[in-house]
N, C-alpha and C. Protein backbone atom coordinates (compact mmCIF):
# COMPACT_ATOMS: atom_id res chain seq x y z
N MET A 1 3.52 -7.33 -6.33
CA MET A 1 3.05 -6.08 -5.75
C MET A 1 1.54 -6.02 -5.86
N ALA A 2 0.91 -5.58 -4.80
CA ALA A 2 -0.55 -5.48 -4.76
C ALA A 2 -1.04 -4.27 -5.54
N ASN A 3 -2.20 -4.42 -6.12
CA ASN A 3 -2.83 -3.32 -6.85
C ASN A 3 -3.87 -2.63 -5.98
N SER A 4 -4.27 -1.47 -6.41
CA SER A 4 -5.27 -0.67 -5.71
C SER A 4 -6.65 -1.32 -5.78
N VAL A 5 -7.42 -1.15 -4.71
CA VAL A 5 -8.79 -1.64 -4.64
C VAL A 5 -9.67 -0.44 -4.31
N VAL A 6 -10.87 -0.39 -4.89
CA VAL A 6 -11.78 0.74 -4.68
C VAL A 6 -13.13 0.24 -4.19
N ARG A 7 -13.79 1.07 -3.38
CA ARG A 7 -15.18 0.83 -2.96
C ARG A 7 -15.99 2.07 -3.33
N LEU A 8 -17.18 1.85 -3.84
CA LEU A 8 -18.08 2.95 -4.18
C LEU A 8 -19.09 3.09 -3.05
N ASP A 9 -18.66 3.67 -1.93
CA ASP A 9 -19.47 3.70 -0.72
C ASP A 9 -20.77 4.48 -0.89
N LYS A 10 -20.66 5.70 -1.34
CA LYS A 10 -21.83 6.56 -1.53
C LYS A 10 -21.57 7.46 -2.74
N VAL A 11 -21.60 6.86 -3.91
CA VAL A 11 -21.34 7.58 -5.15
C VAL A 11 -22.66 7.66 -5.92
N LYS A 12 -23.13 8.87 -6.12
CA LYS A 12 -24.44 9.10 -6.74
C LYS A 12 -24.56 8.46 -8.12
N SER A 13 -23.49 8.47 -8.89
CA SER A 13 -23.58 7.95 -10.26
C SER A 13 -23.79 6.44 -10.32
N THR A 14 -23.69 5.74 -9.22
CA THR A 14 -24.00 4.31 -9.24
C THR A 14 -25.50 4.10 -9.43
N GLY A 15 -26.30 5.14 -9.16
CA GLY A 15 -27.74 5.04 -9.32
C GLY A 15 -28.32 5.95 -10.38
N VAL A 16 -27.91 7.23 -10.37
CA VAL A 16 -28.56 8.19 -11.26
C VAL A 16 -27.60 9.13 -11.98
N GLY A 17 -26.34 8.91 -11.93
CA GLY A 17 -25.40 9.81 -12.59
C GLY A 17 -24.80 9.18 -13.83
N HIS A 18 -23.70 9.75 -14.29
CA HIS A 18 -23.04 9.25 -15.49
C HIS A 18 -22.00 8.20 -15.12
N ILE A 19 -22.06 7.08 -15.85
CA ILE A 19 -21.00 6.08 -15.81
C ILE A 19 -20.46 6.02 -17.23
N TYR A 20 -19.18 6.32 -17.37
CA TYR A 20 -18.56 6.41 -18.69
C TYR A 20 -17.82 5.11 -19.01
N SER A 21 -17.78 4.79 -20.29
CA SER A 21 -16.89 3.74 -20.79
C SER A 21 -15.66 4.46 -21.30
N VAL A 22 -14.51 4.16 -20.69
CA VAL A 22 -13.28 4.86 -21.05
C VAL A 22 -12.23 3.87 -21.54
N LEU A 23 -11.39 4.34 -22.43
CA LEU A 23 -10.32 3.53 -22.99
C LEU A 23 -9.04 3.78 -22.19
N ALA A 24 -8.48 2.73 -21.61
CA ALA A 24 -7.26 2.87 -20.82
C ALA A 24 -6.07 3.13 -21.75
N PRO A 25 -5.41 4.31 -21.62
CA PRO A 25 -4.27 4.62 -22.49
C PRO A 25 -2.97 3.94 -22.05
N GLU A 26 -3.00 3.35 -20.86
CA GLU A 26 -1.86 2.61 -20.32
C GLU A 26 -2.41 1.69 -19.24
N ALA A 27 -1.58 0.88 -18.63
CA ALA A 27 -2.04 0.00 -17.56
C ALA A 27 -2.54 0.86 -16.40
N LEU A 28 -3.73 0.56 -15.91
CA LEU A 28 -4.36 1.31 -14.82
C LEU A 28 -4.79 0.36 -13.72
N GLN A 29 -5.29 0.93 -12.63
CA GLN A 29 -5.83 0.15 -11.53
C GLN A 29 -7.13 0.78 -11.06
N ASN A 30 -7.98 -0.01 -10.43
CA ASN A 30 -9.18 0.53 -9.82
C ASN A 30 -8.79 1.55 -8.75
N GLY A 31 -9.56 2.62 -8.64
CA GLY A 31 -9.26 3.66 -7.68
C GLY A 31 -8.45 4.80 -8.26
N PHE A 32 -7.95 4.64 -9.49
CA PHE A 32 -7.26 5.73 -10.15
C PHE A 32 -8.30 6.73 -10.66
N VAL A 33 -7.86 7.93 -10.98
CA VAL A 33 -8.75 8.96 -11.53
C VAL A 33 -8.19 9.47 -12.84
N ALA A 34 -9.06 10.07 -13.64
CA ALA A 34 -8.65 10.60 -14.94
C ALA A 34 -9.58 11.74 -15.32
N ALA A 35 -9.17 12.50 -16.32
CA ALA A 35 -10.00 13.54 -16.92
C ALA A 35 -10.48 13.04 -18.27
N LEU A 36 -11.73 13.33 -18.59
CA LEU A 36 -12.25 12.95 -19.90
C LEU A 36 -11.69 13.88 -20.96
N LYS A 37 -11.22 13.32 -22.08
CA LYS A 37 -10.74 14.13 -23.20
C LYS A 37 -11.85 14.34 -24.22
N GLY A 38 -12.70 13.38 -24.38
CA GLY A 38 -13.76 13.43 -25.38
C GLY A 38 -13.98 12.06 -25.96
N LEU A 39 -14.98 11.97 -26.81
CA LEU A 39 -15.27 10.69 -27.44
C LEU A 39 -14.13 10.25 -28.34
N LYS A 40 -13.87 8.96 -28.34
CA LYS A 40 -12.85 8.40 -29.23
C LYS A 40 -13.37 8.53 -30.66
N ALA A 41 -12.49 8.83 -31.58
CA ALA A 41 -12.87 9.00 -32.98
C ALA A 41 -13.61 7.77 -33.49
N GLY A 42 -14.77 8.00 -34.08
CA GLY A 42 -15.56 6.92 -34.65
C GLY A 42 -16.44 6.18 -33.64
N GLU A 43 -16.40 6.58 -32.39
CA GLU A 43 -17.18 5.91 -31.35
C GLU A 43 -18.27 6.86 -30.83
N ARG A 44 -19.32 6.29 -30.25
CA ARG A 44 -20.35 7.14 -29.68
C ARG A 44 -20.51 6.95 -28.18
N GLU A 45 -19.77 5.99 -27.61
CA GLU A 45 -19.87 5.76 -26.17
C GLU A 45 -18.54 5.59 -25.46
N ILE A 46 -17.45 5.46 -26.18
CA ILE A 46 -16.15 5.24 -25.56
C ILE A 46 -15.38 6.56 -25.54
N TYR A 47 -14.99 6.96 -24.32
CA TYR A 47 -14.26 8.21 -24.13
C TYR A 47 -12.77 7.94 -23.97
N GLU A 48 -11.97 8.88 -24.42
CA GLU A 48 -10.54 8.85 -24.17
C GLU A 48 -10.30 9.64 -22.89
N ILE A 49 -9.24 9.25 -22.16
CA ILE A 49 -8.93 9.92 -20.89
C ILE A 49 -7.48 10.37 -20.87
N GLU A 50 -7.19 11.23 -19.91
CA GLU A 50 -5.83 11.71 -19.69
C GLU A 50 -5.62 11.95 -18.21
N LYS A 51 -4.38 12.16 -17.81
CA LYS A 51 -4.08 12.49 -16.42
C LYS A 51 -4.72 13.84 -16.11
N ALA A 52 -5.35 13.93 -14.96
CA ALA A 52 -6.17 15.10 -14.65
C ALA A 52 -5.34 16.30 -14.18
N GLY A 53 -4.32 16.07 -13.41
CA GLY A 53 -3.63 17.20 -12.79
C GLY A 53 -4.57 17.91 -11.84
N THR A 54 -4.34 19.19 -11.61
CA THR A 54 -5.19 19.94 -10.68
C THR A 54 -6.18 20.84 -11.38
N THR A 55 -6.17 20.87 -12.71
CA THR A 55 -7.01 21.83 -13.42
C THR A 55 -8.27 21.24 -14.04
N LYS A 56 -8.43 19.92 -13.97
CA LYS A 56 -9.58 19.30 -14.63
C LYS A 56 -10.36 18.43 -13.64
N PRO A 57 -11.70 18.41 -13.78
CA PRO A 57 -12.49 17.49 -12.95
C PRO A 57 -12.14 16.05 -13.28
N VAL A 58 -12.40 15.16 -12.35
CA VAL A 58 -11.99 13.76 -12.53
C VAL A 58 -13.18 12.82 -12.57
N VAL A 59 -12.95 11.65 -13.15
CA VAL A 59 -13.84 10.50 -13.05
C VAL A 59 -13.05 9.41 -12.34
N LEU A 60 -13.76 8.55 -11.60
CA LEU A 60 -13.14 7.50 -10.82
C LEU A 60 -13.19 6.18 -11.58
N ILE A 61 -12.03 5.58 -11.80
CA ILE A 61 -11.94 4.28 -12.47
C ILE A 61 -12.34 3.20 -11.46
N ALA A 62 -13.40 2.47 -11.78
CA ALA A 62 -13.88 1.41 -10.89
C ALA A 62 -14.55 0.33 -11.73
N ASN A 63 -13.75 -0.54 -12.27
CA ASN A 63 -14.24 -1.61 -13.13
C ASN A 63 -14.46 -2.87 -12.29
N PRO A 64 -15.46 -3.69 -12.63
CA PRO A 64 -15.63 -4.95 -11.89
C PRO A 64 -14.35 -5.78 -11.94
N ALA A 65 -13.86 -6.17 -10.78
CA ALA A 65 -12.58 -6.90 -10.68
C ALA A 65 -12.82 -8.39 -10.88
N ILE A 66 -12.61 -8.85 -12.10
CA ILE A 66 -12.79 -10.26 -12.42
C ILE A 66 -11.43 -10.84 -12.79
N ASN A 67 -10.99 -11.80 -12.01
CA ASN A 67 -9.74 -12.50 -12.29
C ASN A 67 -10.05 -13.93 -12.69
N TYR A 68 -9.41 -14.39 -13.73
CA TYR A 68 -9.67 -15.74 -14.21
C TYR A 68 -8.55 -16.71 -13.84
N ASP A 69 -7.58 -16.26 -13.06
CA ASP A 69 -6.46 -17.11 -12.66
C ASP A 69 -6.81 -17.82 -11.36
N ASN A 70 -7.06 -19.11 -11.42
CA ASN A 70 -7.32 -19.89 -10.23
C ASN A 70 -6.21 -20.89 -9.97
N ALA A 71 -5.03 -20.62 -10.50
CA ALA A 71 -3.91 -21.54 -10.38
C ALA A 71 -3.33 -21.57 -8.98
N ARG A 72 -3.52 -20.49 -8.21
CA ARG A 72 -2.97 -20.47 -6.85
C ARG A 72 -3.96 -19.80 -5.91
N GLN A 73 -3.87 -20.17 -4.67
CA GLN A 73 -4.77 -19.62 -3.68
C GLN A 73 -4.54 -18.12 -3.54
N GLY A 74 -5.59 -17.36 -3.52
CA GLY A 74 -5.48 -15.92 -3.38
C GLY A 74 -5.37 -15.18 -4.69
N ALA A 75 -5.28 -15.89 -5.81
CA ALA A 75 -5.11 -15.24 -7.10
C ALA A 75 -6.37 -14.48 -7.52
N ASN A 76 -7.50 -14.82 -6.93
CA ASN A 76 -8.73 -14.13 -7.30
C ASN A 76 -9.01 -12.92 -6.42
N SER A 77 -8.06 -12.49 -5.63
CA SER A 77 -8.21 -11.29 -4.81
C SER A 77 -8.30 -10.05 -5.69
N GLU A 78 -9.05 -9.06 -5.25
CA GLU A 78 -9.15 -7.82 -6.01
C GLU A 78 -7.80 -7.13 -6.13
N GLN A 79 -6.89 -7.38 -5.22
CA GLN A 79 -5.56 -6.78 -5.30
C GLN A 79 -4.74 -7.35 -6.45
N GLU A 80 -5.17 -8.45 -7.01
CA GLU A 80 -4.48 -9.04 -8.16
C GLU A 80 -5.01 -8.49 -9.48
N TYR A 81 -6.11 -7.74 -9.44
CA TYR A 81 -6.75 -7.24 -10.65
C TYR A 81 -6.08 -5.96 -11.14
N SER A 82 -5.82 -5.91 -12.43
CA SER A 82 -5.30 -4.68 -13.04
C SER A 82 -5.97 -4.51 -14.40
N ILE A 83 -5.89 -3.30 -14.90
CA ILE A 83 -6.52 -2.95 -16.17
C ILE A 83 -5.42 -2.82 -17.22
N ALA A 84 -5.55 -3.55 -18.30
CA ALA A 84 -4.53 -3.56 -19.36
C ALA A 84 -4.68 -2.35 -20.27
N ASN A 85 -3.58 -1.96 -20.87
CA ASN A 85 -3.57 -0.89 -21.87
C ASN A 85 -4.55 -1.27 -22.99
N GLY A 86 -5.42 -0.34 -23.38
CA GLY A 86 -6.36 -0.58 -24.46
C GLY A 86 -7.68 -1.19 -24.04
N GLU A 87 -7.82 -1.55 -22.77
CA GLU A 87 -9.07 -2.12 -22.27
C GLU A 87 -10.10 -1.01 -22.05
N VAL A 88 -11.36 -1.29 -22.32
CA VAL A 88 -12.44 -0.33 -22.07
C VAL A 88 -13.04 -0.67 -20.71
N VAL A 89 -13.08 0.32 -19.80
CA VAL A 89 -13.50 0.10 -18.42
C VAL A 89 -14.49 1.17 -17.97
N ARG A 90 -15.05 0.97 -16.79
CA ARG A 90 -16.01 1.92 -16.23
C ARG A 90 -15.31 3.04 -15.47
N ALA A 91 -15.88 4.25 -15.63
CA ALA A 91 -15.41 5.41 -14.88
C ALA A 91 -16.64 6.15 -14.38
N TYR A 92 -16.66 6.46 -13.11
CA TYR A 92 -17.82 7.07 -12.46
C TYR A 92 -17.64 8.57 -12.28
N GLU A 93 -18.69 9.31 -12.61
CA GLU A 93 -18.71 10.75 -12.36
C GLU A 93 -18.79 10.97 -10.85
N LEU A 94 -18.00 11.91 -10.34
CA LEU A 94 -18.01 12.22 -8.91
C LEU A 94 -18.62 13.59 -8.68
N GLN A 95 -19.41 13.69 -7.62
CA GLN A 95 -20.04 14.95 -7.24
C GLN A 95 -19.73 15.28 -5.79
N LYS A 96 -19.91 16.54 -5.44
CA LYS A 96 -19.68 16.99 -4.07
C LYS A 96 -20.51 16.12 -3.12
N THR A 97 -19.93 15.73 -2.01
CA THR A 97 -20.46 14.86 -0.94
C THR A 97 -20.46 13.38 -1.29
N ASP A 98 -20.07 12.97 -2.50
CA ASP A 98 -19.89 11.55 -2.77
C ASP A 98 -18.79 11.01 -1.86
N ILE A 99 -18.90 9.75 -1.49
CA ILE A 99 -17.88 9.11 -0.66
C ILE A 99 -17.44 7.82 -1.35
N PHE A 100 -16.13 7.66 -1.49
CA PHE A 100 -15.56 6.43 -2.02
C PHE A 100 -14.32 6.10 -1.21
N SER A 101 -13.89 4.86 -1.29
CA SER A 101 -12.70 4.42 -0.56
C SER A 101 -11.72 3.80 -1.53
N VAL A 102 -10.45 4.06 -1.29
CA VAL A 102 -9.39 3.49 -2.13
C VAL A 102 -8.24 3.07 -1.22
N THR A 103 -7.64 1.93 -1.55
CA THR A 103 -6.52 1.45 -0.73
C THR A 103 -5.28 2.31 -0.97
N GLU A 104 -4.34 2.19 -0.06
CA GLU A 104 -3.12 3.00 -0.10
C GLU A 104 -2.39 2.92 -1.43
N GLU A 105 -2.46 1.77 -2.10
CA GLU A 105 -1.76 1.60 -3.37
C GLU A 105 -2.27 2.54 -4.46
N GLY A 106 -3.49 3.05 -4.31
CA GLY A 106 -4.08 3.93 -5.31
C GLY A 106 -3.82 5.40 -5.05
N LEU A 107 -3.02 5.71 -4.03
CA LEU A 107 -2.75 7.10 -3.67
C LEU A 107 -1.25 7.35 -3.65
N THR A 108 -0.88 8.59 -3.93
CA THR A 108 0.49 9.03 -3.72
C THR A 108 0.52 9.69 -2.35
N LEU A 109 1.13 9.01 -1.38
CA LEU A 109 1.11 9.47 0.01
C LEU A 109 2.21 10.48 0.28
N LEU A 110 1.95 11.35 1.26
CA LEU A 110 2.97 12.31 1.70
C LEU A 110 4.07 11.60 2.49
N GLY A 111 3.67 10.70 3.36
CA GLY A 111 4.62 9.95 4.18
C GLY A 111 4.39 8.47 4.01
N THR A 112 4.48 7.75 5.12
CA THR A 112 4.29 6.30 5.07
C THR A 112 2.87 5.90 5.44
N ASP A 113 2.12 6.78 6.11
CA ASP A 113 0.76 6.45 6.55
C ASP A 113 -0.24 7.49 6.08
N LEU A 114 -1.48 7.04 5.90
CA LEU A 114 -2.58 7.95 5.59
C LEU A 114 -2.90 8.79 6.82
N VAL A 115 -3.34 10.02 6.61
CA VAL A 115 -3.67 10.91 7.71
C VAL A 115 -5.09 11.42 7.53
N VAL A 116 -5.95 11.14 8.53
CA VAL A 116 -7.31 11.64 8.50
C VAL A 116 -7.26 13.17 8.58
N GLY A 117 -8.05 13.82 7.71
CA GLY A 117 -8.06 15.28 7.67
C GLY A 117 -7.26 15.85 6.51
N ASN A 118 -6.35 15.05 5.95
CA ASN A 118 -5.61 15.50 4.78
C ASN A 118 -6.52 15.47 3.56
N TYR A 119 -6.08 16.14 2.51
CA TYR A 119 -6.83 16.23 1.26
C TYR A 119 -6.18 15.35 0.21
N VAL A 120 -6.94 15.06 -0.85
CA VAL A 120 -6.39 14.41 -2.04
C VAL A 120 -6.79 15.25 -3.24
N ILE A 121 -5.85 15.40 -4.16
CA ILE A 121 -6.07 16.19 -5.37
C ILE A 121 -5.51 15.42 -6.56
N GLY A 122 -5.85 15.86 -7.77
CA GLY A 122 -5.32 15.23 -8.97
C GLY A 122 -3.82 15.42 -9.08
N ASP A 123 -3.18 14.56 -9.83
CA ASP A 123 -1.74 14.60 -10.01
C ASP A 123 -1.44 14.54 -11.51
N ALA A 124 -0.70 15.50 -12.02
CA ALA A 124 -0.41 15.58 -13.46
C ALA A 124 0.57 14.50 -13.93
N SER A 125 1.31 13.87 -13.00
CA SER A 125 2.32 12.90 -13.42
C SER A 125 1.83 11.45 -13.35
N THR A 126 0.66 11.23 -12.77
CA THR A 126 0.14 9.86 -12.61
C THR A 126 -1.38 9.90 -12.57
N TYR A 127 -2.00 8.75 -12.66
CA TYR A 127 -3.45 8.65 -12.57
C TYR A 127 -3.92 8.52 -11.12
N LYS A 128 -3.00 8.53 -10.17
CA LYS A 128 -3.34 8.43 -8.76
C LYS A 128 -3.76 9.78 -8.19
N LEU A 129 -4.52 9.73 -7.11
CA LEU A 129 -4.77 10.95 -6.34
C LEU A 129 -3.56 11.19 -5.44
N LYS A 130 -3.24 12.46 -5.21
CA LYS A 130 -2.07 12.83 -4.43
C LYS A 130 -2.53 13.42 -3.10
N GLU A 131 -1.98 12.91 -2.00
CA GLU A 131 -2.30 13.41 -0.67
C GLU A 131 -1.65 14.78 -0.47
N SER A 132 -2.37 15.68 0.21
CA SER A 132 -1.88 17.02 0.47
C SER A 132 -2.42 17.50 1.82
N THR A 133 -1.62 18.27 2.54
CA THR A 133 -2.08 18.79 3.83
C THR A 133 -2.97 20.01 3.66
N THR A 134 -2.78 20.74 2.58
CA THR A 134 -3.59 21.95 2.31
C THR A 134 -3.99 21.97 0.85
N VAL A 135 -4.94 22.82 0.53
CA VAL A 135 -5.33 23.03 -0.87
C VAL A 135 -5.25 24.52 -1.17
N ALA A 136 -4.95 24.84 -2.41
CA ALA A 136 -4.82 26.24 -2.82
C ALA A 136 -6.17 26.89 -3.10
N GLY A 137 -7.18 26.07 -3.39
CA GLY A 137 -8.49 26.61 -3.74
C GLY A 137 -8.71 26.69 -5.23
N THR A 138 -7.65 26.47 -6.01
CA THR A 138 -7.77 26.53 -7.47
C THR A 138 -7.88 25.15 -8.10
N GLU A 139 -7.81 24.10 -7.30
CA GLU A 139 -7.88 22.73 -7.81
C GLU A 139 -9.29 22.43 -8.31
N ALA A 140 -9.39 21.69 -9.40
CA ALA A 140 -10.70 21.29 -9.93
C ALA A 140 -11.29 20.18 -9.08
N PHE A 141 -10.45 19.26 -8.59
CA PHE A 141 -10.93 18.17 -7.73
C PHE A 141 -10.25 18.26 -6.37
N VAL A 142 -11.07 18.19 -5.32
CA VAL A 142 -10.56 18.12 -3.95
C VAL A 142 -11.39 17.09 -3.20
N GLY A 143 -10.72 16.15 -2.57
CA GLY A 143 -11.37 15.19 -1.69
C GLY A 143 -10.70 15.25 -0.33
N LYS A 144 -11.42 14.87 0.69
CA LYS A 144 -10.87 14.90 2.05
C LYS A 144 -10.92 13.49 2.64
N ILE A 145 -9.81 13.08 3.25
CA ILE A 145 -9.76 11.78 3.91
C ILE A 145 -10.50 11.93 5.24
N VAL A 146 -11.66 11.27 5.34
CA VAL A 146 -12.50 11.43 6.52
C VAL A 146 -12.36 10.26 7.51
N ARG A 147 -11.79 9.17 7.06
CA ARG A 147 -11.65 8.01 7.93
C ARG A 147 -10.68 7.03 7.29
N ILE A 148 -10.08 6.18 8.09
CA ILE A 148 -9.24 5.09 7.61
C ILE A 148 -9.92 3.79 8.03
N ASP A 149 -10.20 2.92 7.08
CA ASP A 149 -10.80 1.62 7.35
C ASP A 149 -9.76 0.53 7.11
N THR A 150 -9.62 -0.37 8.06
CA THR A 150 -8.75 -1.53 7.89
C THR A 150 -9.65 -2.75 7.87
N LEU A 151 -9.65 -3.47 6.75
CA LEU A 151 -10.52 -4.61 6.57
C LEU A 151 -9.73 -5.84 6.18
N GLY A 152 -10.22 -7.00 6.57
CA GLY A 152 -9.60 -8.25 6.17
C GLY A 152 -8.92 -8.94 7.34
N THR A 153 -8.37 -10.09 7.02
CA THR A 153 -7.70 -10.89 8.04
C THR A 153 -6.62 -11.73 7.38
N THR A 154 -5.69 -12.17 8.17
CA THR A 154 -4.64 -13.06 7.69
C THR A 154 -4.77 -14.38 8.43
N ALA A 155 -4.72 -15.45 7.71
CA ALA A 155 -4.82 -16.78 8.32
C ALA A 155 -3.51 -17.53 8.10
N VAL A 156 -2.94 -18.04 9.17
CA VAL A 156 -1.69 -18.79 9.07
C VAL A 156 -2.01 -20.17 8.52
N THR A 157 -1.23 -20.60 7.52
CA THR A 157 -1.48 -21.90 6.87
C THR A 157 -0.39 -22.91 7.17
N GLY A 158 0.50 -22.57 8.06
CA GLY A 158 1.56 -23.52 8.40
C GLY A 158 2.86 -23.13 7.75
N GLN A 159 3.60 -24.13 7.29
CA GLN A 159 4.92 -23.90 6.75
C GLN A 159 4.91 -23.03 5.50
N ALA A 160 3.81 -23.05 4.76
CA ALA A 160 3.73 -22.29 3.52
C ALA A 160 3.57 -20.79 3.78
N GLY A 161 3.24 -20.40 4.98
CA GLY A 161 3.09 -18.98 5.30
C GLY A 161 1.67 -18.64 5.66
N SER A 162 1.17 -17.55 5.11
CA SER A 162 -0.18 -17.12 5.45
C SER A 162 -0.91 -16.69 4.18
N VAL A 163 -2.23 -16.73 4.27
CA VAL A 163 -3.06 -16.26 3.18
C VAL A 163 -4.03 -15.25 3.74
N GLY A 164 -4.65 -14.49 2.87
CA GLY A 164 -5.59 -13.47 3.30
C GLY A 164 -5.01 -12.11 3.05
N ARG A 165 -5.84 -11.14 3.19
CA ARG A 165 -5.41 -9.78 2.93
C ARG A 165 -5.91 -8.86 4.03
N VAL A 166 -5.09 -7.92 4.42
CA VAL A 166 -5.52 -6.84 5.28
C VAL A 166 -5.37 -5.58 4.43
N LEU A 167 -6.50 -4.94 4.15
CA LEU A 167 -6.50 -3.77 3.29
C LEU A 167 -6.76 -2.52 4.10
N LYS A 168 -5.95 -1.49 3.86
CA LYS A 168 -6.13 -0.21 4.53
C LYS A 168 -6.69 0.78 3.50
N TYR A 169 -7.94 1.20 3.73
CA TYR A 169 -8.65 2.10 2.82
C TYR A 169 -8.63 3.53 3.37
N ALA A 170 -8.46 4.49 2.47
CA ALA A 170 -8.70 5.89 2.77
C ALA A 170 -10.14 6.17 2.33
N VAL A 171 -10.99 6.55 3.28
CA VAL A 171 -12.37 6.89 2.97
C VAL A 171 -12.36 8.38 2.60
N ILE A 172 -12.76 8.68 1.36
CA ILE A 172 -12.61 10.04 0.82
C ILE A 172 -13.98 10.63 0.53
N GLU A 173 -14.21 11.83 1.05
CA GLU A 173 -15.43 12.58 0.73
C GLU A 173 -15.06 13.65 -0.29
N VAL A 174 -15.80 13.70 -1.39
CA VAL A 174 -15.55 14.69 -2.44
C VAL A 174 -15.97 16.06 -1.93
N GLN A 175 -15.05 17.01 -1.92
CA GLN A 175 -15.32 18.39 -1.52
C GLN A 175 -15.66 19.26 -2.73
N LYS A 176 -15.03 18.91 -3.87
CA LYS A 176 -15.19 19.72 -5.08
C LYS A 176 -14.79 18.88 -6.28
N ASN A 177 -15.54 18.99 -7.38
CA ASN A 177 -15.16 18.36 -8.64
C ASN A 177 -15.78 19.18 -9.76
N ALA A 178 -15.14 20.27 -10.09
CA ALA A 178 -15.71 21.19 -11.09
C ALA A 178 -14.81 21.36 -12.28
């Protein structure tokens, strides 16, 4: 199964905002979101995180995707990268008008396809953003799907099948993160 991939298209914290070091409390993927709980006991830079739900602002998990498995073709794809329980990874502060992209695997979809114009909000049961057609106005984080990008290609290799990836990204503009 493929993992989520994230792009930091126009995220202010890549230049002048906060980038947090967070401790993964379970297996995570790039493009997931979380709420900061506070500094880990005895640490001065590592934060603990929790599922955000709709009542807490979020940070975006986006760690450099480094895979060391070169045993098979395609193993170094970002879709093969996952974050292990207990690993310390990067989380980016999100602000209004920031834009980031995440593949379908990083979202809880309403149906089978992403819909431009729909919103994404925190989800209390998972670290994924949840697609929604409307917002109540009480959510701490609200993002809007402004575009769908399909990137990549598949190359036929003969009898063995095909290699390559076609990734479908939801381009999300942050509407609110308070």
